[in-house]
Amino acid sequence: MIERDGKTLRVSGPITMTSAPAVRDRGLVLLGKDVATVDLSAVTEVDSAAIAVVLAWRRQAGRALAFVGIPAALGSLASLYGLERLLDEAA
């Protein structure tokens, strides 16, 4: 589930192969020019599909997004793929 709260997208639940397409698409709909932060603190489960979702949001935004509350597993995946900077970017 994703909700927009001002300039923040708040993501909750899993981002896995099963849920990733819906999470990605909902995020793309809510991602406006003024969204600066993506809060992942309520994400309960991730797999490699979560990296693809984050990349799609970043590409759609066309600018840096600040990711906060990054689950440890997502941080590990980003590190594994050499994409740590993607999650470290500041808005």
Protein backbone atom coordinates (compact mmCIF):
# COMPACT_ATOMS: atom_id res chain seq x y z
CA MET A 1 0.00 0.00 0.00
CA ILE A 2 1.17 3.51 -0.76
CA GLU A 3 -0.19 6.79 0.45
CA ARG A 4 0.86 10.31 -0.32
CA ASP A 5 1.34 12.61 2.65
CA GLY A 6 2.32 16.03 1.34
CA LYS A 7 5.76 15.67 -0.22
CA THR A 8 6.21 12.12 1.08
CA LEU A 9 5.18 8.74 -0.26
CA ARG A 10 4.59 6.28 2.59
CA VAL A 11 4.95 2.66 1.55
CA SER A 12 3.75 -0.26 3.67
CA GLY A 13 3.55 -4.03 3.29
CA PRO A 14 5.70 -6.25 1.11
CA ILE A 15 7.54 -5.30 -2.07
CA THR A 16 8.19 -8.70 -3.61
CA MET A 17 7.84 -10.32 -7.01
CA THR A 18 4.14 -10.80 -6.31
CA SER A 19 3.33 -7.27 -5.20
CA ALA A 20 5.96 -5.25 -7.08
CA PRO A 21 3.96 -4.42 -10.23
CA ALA A 22 1.05 -3.00 -8.24
CA VAL A 23 3.35 -1.15 -5.80
CA ARG A 24 5.36 0.30 -8.67
CA ASP A 25 2.30 1.42 -10.60
CA ARG A 26 0.59 2.98 -7.57
CA GLY A 27 3.79 4.83 -6.70
CA LEU A 28 4.12 6.14 -10.24
CA VAL A 29 0.57 7.49 -10.08
CA LEU A 30 1.22 9.26 -6.77
CA LEU A 31 4.72 10.49 -7.58
CA GLY A 32 4.29 14.16 -8.35
CA LYS A 33 6.86 16.80 -9.12
CA ASP A 34 6.83 17.91 -5.50
CA VAL A 35 7.34 14.49 -3.89
CA ALA A 36 10.78 14.58 -2.29
CA THR A 37 10.78 11.66 0.14
CA VAL A 38 9.84 7.99 0.03
CA ASP A 39 9.29 6.50 3.49
CA LEU A 40 9.91 2.75 3.49
CA SER A 41 9.78 2.24 7.26
CA ALA A 42 6.53 0.23 7.11
CA VAL A 43 7.73 -2.14 4.37
CA THR A 44 7.51 -5.65 5.80
CA GLU A 45 9.32 -7.79 3.20
CA VAL A 46 11.49 -7.22 0.14
CA ASP A 47 13.20 -9.19 -2.56
CA SER A 48 15.10 -8.10 -5.66
CA ALA A 49 11.88 -6.77 -7.20
CA ALA A 50 11.99 -3.94 -4.66
CA ILE A 51 15.16 -2.64 -6.31
CA ALA A 52 13.34 -2.50 -9.65
CA VAL A 53 10.47 -0.59 -8.03
CA VAL A 54 12.81 1.99 -6.50
CA LEU A 55 14.61 2.38 -9.85
CA ALA A 56 11.30 2.92 -11.66
CA TRP A 57 10.26 5.62 -9.18
CA ARG A 58 13.64 7.34 -9.47
CA ARG A 59 13.50 7.23 -13.25
CA GLN A 60 9.95 8.65 -13.29
CA ALA A 61 10.92 11.42 -10.87
CA GLY A 62 13.87 12.44 -13.04
CA ARG A 63 15.61 13.71 -9.93
CA ALA A 64 16.96 12.50 -6.62
CA LEU A 65 14.50 11.21 -4.06
CA ALA A 66 15.29 10.84 -0.37
CA PHE A 67 14.58 7.31 0.85
CA VAL A 68 14.02 7.01 4.59
CA GLY A 69 13.30 4.04 6.83
CA ILE A 70 15.10 1.71 4.46
CA PRO A 71 14.65 -1.93 5.53
CA ALA A 72 17.95 -3.68 6.20
CA ALA A 73 17.20 -6.31 3.55
CA LEU A 74 16.68 -3.62 0.90
CA GLY A 75 19.92 -1.93 1.91
CA SER A 76 21.71 -5.27 1.59
CA LEU A 77 20.25 -5.87 -1.87
CA ALA A 78 21.24 -2.37 -2.99
CA SER A 79 24.76 -3.03 -1.75
CA LEU A 80 24.87 -6.40 -3.50
CA TYR A 81 23.92 -4.76 -6.80
CA GLY A 82 26.24 -1.76 -6.28
CA LEU A 83 23.28 0.64 -5.99
CA GLU A 84 23.83 2.01 -2.49
CA ARG A 85 23.96 5.56 -3.84
CA LEU A 86 20.43 5.18 -5.20
CA LEU A 87 19.12 4.92 -1.66
CA ASP A 88 21.52 7.53 -0.26
CA GLU A 89 20.49 10.32 -2.61
CA ALA A 90 19.10 13.39 -0.94
CA ALA A 91 16.20 15.30 -2.39
